[in-house]
C-alpha atoms as a PDB file:
ATOM      1  CA  UNK A   1      -7.272 -14.716  30.800  1.00  0.00           C
ATOM      2  CA  UNK A   2      -3.743 -16.094  31.074  1.00  0.00           C
ATOM      3  CA  UNK A   3      -1.712 -14.910  34.034  1.00  0.00           C
ATOM      4  CA  UNK A   4       1.211 -12.638  33.160  1.00  0.00           C
ATOM      5  CA  UNK A   5       4.687 -13.662  34.328  1.00  0.00           C
ATOM      6  CA  UNK A   6       6.790 -10.697  35.431  1.00  0.00           C
ATOM      7  CA  UNK A   7       9.960 -12.705  36.046  1.00  0.00           C
ATOM      8  CA  UNK A   8      11.395 -14.422  32.991  1.00  0.00           C
ATOM      9  CA  UNK A   9      11.058 -18.211  32.895  1.00  0.00           C
ATOM     10  CA  UNK A  10      12.188 -20.776  30.357  1.00  0.00           C
ATOM     11  CA  UNK A  11       9.125 -22.005  28.384  1.00  0.00           C
ATOM     12  CA  UNK A  12       7.705 -25.153  29.941  1.00  0.00           C
ATOM     13  CA  UNK A  13       8.351 -27.152  26.789  1.00  0.00           C
ATOM     14  CA  UNK A  14      12.071 -26.519  27.442  1.00  0.00           C
ATOM     15  CA  UNK A  15      11.931 -26.607  31.245  1.00  0.00           C
ATOM     16  CA  UNK A  16      12.827 -30.202  32.047  1.00  0.00           C
ATOM     17  CA  UNK A  17      11.990 -31.680  35.469  1.00  0.00           C
ATOM     18  CA  UNK A  18      15.675 -32.580  35.801  1.00  0.00           C
ATOM     19  CA  UNK A  19      17.756 -29.694  37.227  1.00  0.00           C
ATOM     20  CA  UNK A  20      19.328 -27.425  34.595  1.00  0.00           C
ATOM     21  CA  UNK A  21      22.835 -26.643  35.895  1.00  0.00           C
ATOM     22  CA  UNK A  22      21.621 -27.712  39.337  1.00  0.00           C
ATOM     23  CA  UNK A  23      18.649 -25.298  39.400  1.00  0.00           C
ATOM     24  CA  UNK A  24      14.907 -26.034  39.337  1.00  0.00           C
ATOM     25  CA  UNK A  25      12.473 -23.100  38.985  1.00  0.00           C
ATOM     26  CA  UNK A  26       8.818 -23.416  39.985  1.00  0.00           C
ATOM     27  CA  UNK A  27       6.240 -20.819  38.970  1.00  0.00           C
ATOM     28  CA  UNK A  28       2.508 -20.407  38.588  1.00  0.00           C
ATOM     29  CA  UNK A  29      -0.270 -21.075  41.096  1.00  0.00           C
ATOM     30  CA  UNK A  30      -0.850 -23.862  43.580  1.00  0.00           C
ATOM     31  CA  UNK A  31       2.877 -24.543  43.838  1.00  0.00           C
ATOM     32  CA  UNK A  32       3.718 -27.464  46.112  1.00  0.00           C
ATOM     33  CA  UNK A  33       7.025 -28.500  47.649  1.00  0.00           C
ATOM     34  CA  UNK A  34       6.680 -31.447  50.038  1.00  0.00           C
ATOM     35  CA  UNK A  35       8.208 -34.788  50.977  1.00  0.00           C
ATOM     36  CA  UNK A  36       6.752 -38.246  50.425  1.00  0.00           C
ATOM     37  CA  UNK A  37       8.594 -41.409  51.491  1.00  0.00           C
ATOM     38  CA  UNK A  38      11.950 -39.643  51.397  1.00  0.00           C
ATOM     39  CA  UNK A  39      11.432 -38.074  47.960  1.00  0.00           C
ATOM     40  CA  UNK A  40      11.014 -34.351  47.313  1.00  0.00           C
ATOM     41  CA  UNK A  41       7.737 -33.779  45.450  1.00  0.00           C
ATOM     42  CA  UNK A  42       7.480 -30.674  43.273  1.00  0.00           C
ATOM     43  CA  UNK A  43       4.423 -29.308  41.478  1.00  0.00           C
ATOM     44  CA  UNK A  44       3.800 -26.072  39.614  1.00  0.00           C
ATOM     45  CA  UNK A  45       1.993 -24.623  36.613  1.00  0.00           C
ATOM     46  CA  UNK A  46      -0.917 -22.416  35.574  1.00  0.00           C
ATOM     47  CA  UNK A  47      -4.408 -23.825  35.192  1.00  0.00           C
ATOM     48  CA  UNK A  48      -4.470 -27.288  33.612  1.00  0.00           C
ATOM     49  CA  UNK A  49      -0.865 -26.952  32.445  1.00  0.00           C
ATOM     50  CA  UNK A  50       0.844 -28.611  35.425  1.00  0.00           C
ATOM     51  CA  UNK A  51       4.180 -30.309  36.116  1.00  0.00           C
ATOM     52  CA  UNK A  52       4.606 -32.947  38.808  1.00  0.00           C
ATOM     53  CA  UNK A  53       7.818 -34.772  39.526  1.00  0.00           C
ATOM     54  CA  UNK A  54       9.851 -36.182  42.411  1.00  0.00           C
ATOM     55  CA  UNK A  55      13.521 -36.112  43.290  1.00  0.00           C
ATOM     56  CA  UNK A  56      15.216 -38.888  45.286  1.00  0.00           C
ATOM     57  CA  UNK A  57      17.880 -38.210  47.888  1.00  0.00           C
ATOM     58  CA  UNK A  58      20.553 -39.860  45.766  1.00  0.00           C
ATOM     59  CA  UNK A  59      21.584 -38.540  42.354  1.00  0.00           C
ATOM     60  CA  UNK A  60      19.038 -35.702  42.170  1.00  0.00           C
ATOM     61  CA  UNK A  61      21.612 -33.118  40.986  1.00  0.00           C
ATOM     62  CA  UNK A  62      19.690 -30.281  42.661  1.00  0.00           C
ATOM     63  CA  UNK A  63      21.715 -27.353  44.020  1.00  0.00           C
ATOM     64  CA  UNK A  64      19.119 -24.567  44.155  1.00  0.00           C
ATOM     65  CA  UNK A  65      15.308 -24.540  44.199  1.00  0.00           C
ATOM     66  CA  UNK A  66      13.702 -21.266  43.090  1.00  0.00           C
ATOM     67  CA  UNK A  67      10.000 -20.564  43.657  1.00  0.00           C
ATOM     68  CA  UNK A  68       8.473 -17.588  41.818  1.00  0.00           C
ATOM     69  CA  UNK A  69       5.182 -16.515  43.376  1.00  0.00           C
ATOM     70  CA  UNK A  70       3.468 -16.890  46.746  1.00  0.00           C
ATOM     71  CA  UNK A  71       0.486 -19.076  45.892  1.00  0.00           C
ATOM     72  CA  UNK A  72       1.047 -22.586  47.216  1.00  0.00           C
ATOM     73  CA  UNK A  73       2.769 -24.400  50.055  1.00  0.00           C
ATOM     74  CA  UNK A  74       6.247 -25.475  51.153  1.00  0.00           C
ATOM     75  CA  UNK A  75       6.278 -27.995  54.006  1.00  0.00           C
ATOM     76  CA  UNK A  76       8.688 -27.971  56.940  1.00  0.00           C
ATOM     77  CA  UNK A  77       9.725 -31.484  55.950  1.00  0.00           C
ATOM     78  CA  UNK A  78      10.661 -30.144  52.496  1.00  0.00           C
ATOM     79  CA  UNK A  79      12.812 -27.400  54.034  1.00  0.00           C
ATOM     80  CA  UNK A  80      14.533 -30.037  56.167  1.00  0.00           C
ATOM     81  CA  UNK A  81      15.068 -32.217  53.057  1.00  0.00           C
ATOM     82  CA  UNK A  82      16.666 -29.280  51.232  1.00  0.00           C
ATOM     83  CA  UNK A  83      18.880 -28.478  54.231  1.00  0.00           C
ATOM     84  CA  UNK A  84      20.012 -32.092  54.611  1.00  0.00           C
ATOM     85  CA  UNK A  85      20.861 -32.233  50.903  1.00  0.00           C
ATOM     86  CA  UNK A  86      22.691 -28.864  51.078  1.00  0.00           C
ATOM     87  CA  UNK A  87      20.290 -27.332  48.550  1.00  0.00           C
ATOM     88  CA  UNK A  88      19.644 -23.571  48.581  1.00  0.00           C
ATOM     89  CA  UNK A  89      16.028 -22.348  48.559  1.00  0.00           C
ATOM     90  CA  UNK A  90      14.937 -18.999  47.106  1.00  0.00           C
ATOM     91  CA  UNK A  91      11.412 -17.540  47.030  1.00  0.00           C
ATOM     92  CA  UNK A  92      10.808 -14.564  44.730  1.00  0.00           C
ATOM     93  CA  UNK A  93       7.857 -12.281  44.153  1.00  0.00           C
ATOM     94  CA  UNK A  94       6.704 -12.133  40.546  1.00  0.00           C
ATOM     95  CA  UNK A  95       8.423  -8.762  40.126  1.00  0.00           C
ATOM     96  CA  UNK A  96      11.747 -10.346  41.113  1.00  0.00           C
ATOM     97  CA  UNK A  97      11.952  -9.080  44.701  1.00  0.00           C
ATOM     98  CA  UNK A  98      13.285 -11.568  47.242  1.00  0.00           C
ATOM     99  CA  UNK A  99      10.774 -12.891  49.767  1.00  0.00           C
ATOM    100  CA  UNK A 100      12.856 -15.624  51.438  1.00  0.00           C
ATOM    101  CA  UNK A 101      16.155 -17.365  50.984  1.00  0.00           C
ATOM    102  CA  UNK A 102      18.106 -20.120  52.703  1.00  0.00           C
ATOM    103  CA  UNK A 103      21.402 -21.766  51.939  1.00  0.00           C
ATOM    104  CA  UNK A 104      23.571 -24.640  53.047  1.00  0.00           C
ATOM    105  CA  UNK A 105      25.663 -23.975  56.147  1.00  0.00           C
ATOM    106  CA  UNK A 106      29.319 -24.676  55.481  1.00  0.00           C
ATOM    107  CA  UNK A 107      32.362 -24.489  57.728  1.00  0.00           C
ATOM    108  CA  UNK A 108      33.941 -21.056  57.933  1.00  0.00           C
ATOM    109  CA  UNK A 109      37.237 -20.620  56.098  1.00  0.00           C
ATOM    110  CA  UNK A 110      39.498 -19.108  58.758  1.00  0.00           C
ATOM    111  CA  UNK A 111      42.115 -18.057  56.184  1.00  0.00           C
ATOM    112  CA  UNK A 112      39.535 -16.114  54.190  1.00  0.00           C
ATOM    113  CA  UNK A 113      38.157 -14.372  57.281  1.00  0.00           C
ATOM    114  CA  UNK A 114      41.671 -13.459  58.399  1.00  0.00           C
ATOM    115  CA  UNK A 115      42.475 -12.026  54.965  1.00  0.00           C
ATOM    116  CA  UNK A 116      39.250 -10.002  55.038  1.00  0.00           C
ATOM    117  CA  UNK A 117      40.003  -8.658  58.514  1.00  0.00           C
ATOM    118  CA  UNK A 118      43.528  -7.622  57.519  1.00  0.00           C
ATOM    119  CA  UNK A 119      42.647  -6.318  54.037  1.00  0.00           C
ATOM    120  CA  UNK A 120      42.787  -2.670  55.095  1.00  0.00           C
ATOM    121  CA  UNK A 121      46.332  -3.160  56.435  1.00  0.00           C
ATOM    122  CA  UNK A 122      47.618  -5.337  53.601  1.00  0.00           C
ATOM    123  CA  UNK A 123      46.444  -2.960  50.871  1.00  0.00           C
ATOM    124  CA  UNK A 124      44.048  -5.519  49.375  1.00  0.00           C
ATOM    125  CA  UNK A 125      40.972  -3.459  50.341  1.00  0.00           C
ATOM    126  CA  UNK A 126      42.033  -0.344  48.432  1.00  0.00           C
ATOM    127  CA  UNK A 127      43.094  -2.451  45.437  1.00  0.00           C
ATOM    128  CA  UNK A 128      39.693  -4.155  45.320  1.00  0.00           C
ATOM    129  CA  UNK A 129      37.924  -0.791  45.698  1.00  0.00           C
ATOM    130  CA  UNK A 130      39.906   0.692  42.806  1.00  0.00           C
ATOM    131  CA  UNK A 131      39.132  -2.277  40.557  1.00  0.00           C
ATOM    132  CA  UNK A 132      35.406  -2.200  41.332  1.00  0.00           C
ATOM    133  CA  UNK A 133      35.055   1.546  40.785  1.00  0.00           C
ATOM    134  CA  UNK A 134      37.181   1.314  37.628  1.00  0.00           C
ATOM    135  CA  UNK A 135      34.663  -1.166  36.163  1.00  0.00           C
ATOM    136  CA  UNK A 136      31.782   1.080  37.172  1.00  0.00           C
ATOM    137  CA  UNK A 137      33.301   4.212  35.628  1.00  0.00           C
ATOM    138  CA  UNK A 138      34.183   2.310  32.441  1.00  0.00           C
ATOM    139  CA  UNK A 139      30.521   1.328  32.055  1.00  0.00           C
ATOM    140  CA  UNK A 140      29.373   4.895  32.760  1.00  0.00           C
ATOM    141  CA  UNK A 141      31.791   6.233  30.165  1.00  0.00           C
ATOM    142  CA  UNK A 142      30.489   3.698  27.635  1.00  0.00           C
ATOM    143  CA  UNK A 143      26.869   4.736  28.236  1.00  0.00           C
ATOM    144  CA  UNK A 144      27.695   8.447  28.102  1.00  0.00           C
ATOM    145  CA  UNK A 145      29.573   8.142  24.807  1.00  0.00           C
ATOM    146  CA  UNK A 146      27.564   5.588  22.873  1.00  0.00           C
ATOM    147  CA  UNK A 147      24.043   5.782  24.309  1.00  0.00           C
ATOM    148  CA  UNK A 148      23.709   9.406  25.358  1.00  0.00           C
ATOM    149  CA  UNK A 149      26.087  10.838  22.721  1.00  0.00           C
ATOM    150  CA  UNK A 150      27.678  13.011  25.418  1.00  0.00           C
ATOM    151  CA  UNK A 151      31.321  12.978  24.342  1.00  0.00           C
ATOM    152  CA  UNK A 152      32.470  15.694  26.742  1.00  0.00           C
ATOM    153  CA  UNK A 153      30.915  13.913  29.706  1.00  0.00           C
ATOM    154  CA  UNK A 154      32.571  10.689  28.573  1.00  0.00           C
ATOM    155  CA  UNK A 155      35.929  12.459  28.436  1.00  0.00           C
ATOM    156  CA  UNK A 156      35.398  13.818  31.951  1.00  0.00           C
ATOM    157  CA  UNK A 157      34.550  10.387  33.326  1.00  0.00           C
ATOM    158  CA  UNK A 158      37.621   8.947  31.574  1.00  0.00           C
ATOM    159  CA  UNK A 159      39.821  11.591  33.199  1.00  0.00           C
ATOM    160  CA  UNK A 160      38.495  10.802  36.678  1.00  0.00           C
ATOM    161  CA  UNK A 161      38.874   7.093  35.966  1.00  0.00           C
ATOM    162  CA  UNK A 162      42.563   7.596  35.152  1.00  0.00           C
ATOM    163  CA  UNK A 163      43.052   9.169  38.606  1.00  0.00           C
ATOM    164  CA  UNK A 164      42.032   5.952  40.351  1.00  0.00           C
ATOM    165  CA  UNK A 165      45.541   4.502  40.016  1.00  0.00           C
ATOM    166  CA  UNK A 166      46.834   7.226  42.375  1.00  0.00           C
ATOM    167  CA  UNK A 167      44.006   6.895  44.915  1.00  0.00           C
ATOM    168  CA  UNK A 168      45.465   5.365  48.084  1.00  0.00           C
ATOM    169  CA  UNK A 169      42.623   5.791  50.594  1.00  0.00           C
ATOM    170  CA  UNK A 170      38.919   4.813  50.587  1.00  0.00           C
ATOM    171  CA  UNK A 171      38.020   8.492  50.886  1.00  0.00           C
ATOM    172  CA  UNK A 172      39.948   9.389  47.717  1.00  0.00           C
ATOM    173  CA  UNK A 173      38.282   6.552  45.807  1.00  0.00           C
ATOM    174  CA  UNK A 174      34.830   7.724  46.938  1.00  0.00           C
ATOM    175  CA  UNK A 175      35.657  11.293  45.927  1.00  0.00           C
ATOM    176  CA  UNK A 176      36.647  10.212  42.421  1.00  0.00           C
ATOM    177  CA  UNK A 177      33.492   8.095  42.139  1.00  0.00           C
ATOM    178  CA  UNK A 178      31.381  11.071  43.249  1.00  0.00           C
ATOM    179  CA  UNK A 179      32.930  13.470  40.729  1.00  0.00           C
ATOM    180  CA  UNK A 180      32.510  10.974  37.893  1.00  0.00           C
ATOM    181  CA  UNK A 181      28.896  10.408  38.922  1.00  0.00           C
ATOM    182  CA  UNK A 182      28.271  14.147  38.630  1.00  0.00           C
ATOM    183  CA  UNK A 183      29.494  14.101  35.024  1.00  0.00           C
ATOM    184  CA  UNK A 184      27.540  10.935  34.259  1.00  0.00           C
ATOM    185  CA  UNK A 185      24.168  12.143  35.559  1.00  0.00           C
ATOM    186  CA  UNK A 186      24.698  15.532  33.954  1.00  0.00           C
ATOM    187  CA  UNK A 187      24.599  13.705  30.607  1.00  0.00           C
ATOM    188  CA  UNK A 188      21.129  12.387  31.491  1.00  0.00           C
ATOM    189  CA  UNK A 189      19.703  15.678  32.755  1.00  0.00           C
ATOM    190  CA  UNK A 190      18.288  17.081  29.503  1.00  0.00           C
ATOM    191  CA  UNK A 191      17.367  13.752  27.947  1.00  0.00           C
ATOM    192  CA  UNK A 192      13.816  13.741  26.551  1.00  0.00           C
ATOM    193  CA  UNK A 193      11.670  10.742  27.453  1.00  0.00           C
ATOM    194  CA  UNK A 194       8.811   9.634  25.223  1.00  0.00           C
ATOM    195  CA  UNK A 195       5.814   7.632  26.403  1.00  0.00           C
ATOM    196  CA  UNK A 196       3.047   5.705  24.614  1.00  0.00           C
ATOM    197  CA  UNK A 197       0.553   8.187  23.197  1.00  0.00           C
ATOM    198  CA  UNK A 198      -2.315   6.724  25.215  1.00  0.00           C
ATOM    199  CA  UNK A 199      -0.418   7.466  28.449  1.00  0.00           C
ATOM    200  CA  UNK A 200       0.824  10.977  27.677  1.00  0.00           C
ATOM    201  CA  UNK A 201      -2.114  12.727  29.352  1.00  0.00           C
ATOM    202  CA  UNK A 202      -1.293  10.984  32.646  1.00  0.00           C
ATOM    203  CA  UNK A 203       2.458  11.632  32.629  1.00  0.00           C
ATOM    204  CA  UNK A 204       3.675  14.482  34.905  1.00  0.00           C
ATOM    205  CA  UNK A 205       5.565  17.222  33.081  1.00  0.00           C
ATOM    206  CA  UNK A 206       8.743  16.674  35.123  1.00  0.00           C
ATOM    207  CA  UNK A 207       8.833  13.050  33.930  1.00  0.00           C
ATOM    208  CA  UNK A 208       9.185  14.102  30.285  1.00  0.00           C
ATOM    209  CA  UNK A 209      12.838  15.053  30.876  1.00  0.00           C
ATOM    210  CA  UNK A 210      15.169  12.862  32.880  1.00  0.00           C
ATOM    211  CA  UNK A 211      16.204  15.815  35.046  1.00  0.00           C
ATOM    212  CA  UNK A 212      18.462  15.923  38.071  1.00  0.00           C
ATOM    213  CA  UNK A 213      18.625  12.927  40.377  1.00  0.00           C
ATOM    214  CA  UNK A 214      18.163  15.054  43.484  1.00  0.00           C
ATOM    215  CA  UNK A 215      15.089  14.988  45.678  1.00  0.00           C
ATOM    216  CA  UNK A 216      13.729  18.253  47.135  1.00  0.00           C
ATOM    217  CA  UNK A 217      12.893  16.177  50.229  1.00  0.00           C
ATOM    218  CA  UNK A 218      16.340  14.749  50.966  1.00  0.00           C
ATOM    219  CA  UNK A 219      18.785  16.801  48.870  1.00  0.00           C
ATOM    220  CA  UNK A 220      20.158  13.544  47.477  1.00  0.00           C
ATOM    221  CA  UNK A 221      19.110  10.854  44.932  1.00  0.00           C
ATOM    222  CA  UNK A 222      17.132   9.119  47.699  1.00  0.00           C
ATOM    223  CA  UNK A 223      13.382   9.716  47.210  1.00  0.00           C
ATOM    224  CA  UNK A 224      14.056  11.443  43.874  1.00  0.00           C
ATOM    225  CA  UNK A 225      10.915  12.671  42.122  1.00  0.00           C
ATOM    226  CA  UNK A 226      12.139  12.004  38.593  1.00  0.00           C
ATOM    227  CA  UNK A 227      11.871   8.732  36.731  1.00  0.00           C
ATOM    228  CA  UNK A 228      13.709   5.841  38.466  1.00  0.00           C
ATOM    229  CA  UNK A 229      17.334   5.478  37.476  1.00  0.00           C
ATOM    230  CA  UNK A 230      17.489   3.194  34.417  1.00  0.00           C
ATOM    231  CA  UNK A 231      20.142   0.550  34.062  1.00  0.00           C
ATOM    232  CA  UNK A 232      21.714  -0.077  30.684  1.00  0.00           C
ATOM    233  CA  UNK A 233      19.301  -3.002  30.221  1.00  0.00           C
ATOM    234  CA  UNK A 234      16.166  -0.948  30.789  1.00  0.00           C
ATOM    235  CA  UNK A 235      17.645   1.830  28.671  1.00  0.00           C
ATOM    236  CA  UNK A 236      18.011  -0.456  25.665  1.00  0.00           C
ATOM    237  CA  UNK A 237      14.956  -2.668  26.155  1.00  0.00           C
ATOM    238  CA  UNK A 238      12.235  -0.726  27.951  1.00  0.00           C
ATOM    239  CA  UNK A 239      12.711   3.003  27.508  1.00  0.00           C
ATOM    240  CA  UNK A 240      11.842   4.840  24.335  1.00  0.00           C
ATOM    241  CA  UNK A 241      14.391   7.656  24.328  1.00  0.00           C
ATOM    242  CA  UNK A 242      14.819  10.569  21.953  1.00  0.00           C
ATOM    243  CA  UNK A 243      18.541  11.499  21.957  1.00  0.00           C
ATOM    244  CA  UNK A 244      17.889  14.753  20.176  1.00  0.00           C
END
């Protein structure tokens, strides 16, 4: 039986050994990353469908090496080769969670660090906070209006979003974000969730409605007992939702 890949990969017929935009992704079983006579040797694949290739120290074009899975080996010499070549290394579990990551060490930019340290005094911090939360509330308003068909909730979020321009402290920005979040999750509360018929007998009753994102254990969204919070991607691709 073929192994299932949880993290998306480009089909091997289109996954050239040469780095695509500086990135090489290895996946499968028996993955190998090692060094031989100064070259980085890479091997991956599933069963008899294997790829083997080597990268020299000059002209390799590699900026990031991504390994998906934990079956195989990465030698210390290979990690040193990657470090010397200023190549980042990322190891992911098949569900996308990060297991290990390294990156090239570069000199610190003193001007950037100084600007970061003084951002709260210069006003840059509050400006950045307003811009970030504005983007977040705009996306929430879009979902409420066009995915959940909750026009009133969308109007409420829009009203709170318009107040961001007057927010001049981090506390006021967080308060606006909190109030908008209340309107946003209220739009989800009564949403009916449908499941495959073969799974319905195993689905808890409180999972059939999105419900409130508050846990009886913590009094907050942390450790909530309802379905995990869906992103817009999972909403459109994975969930089967009845808006009525």
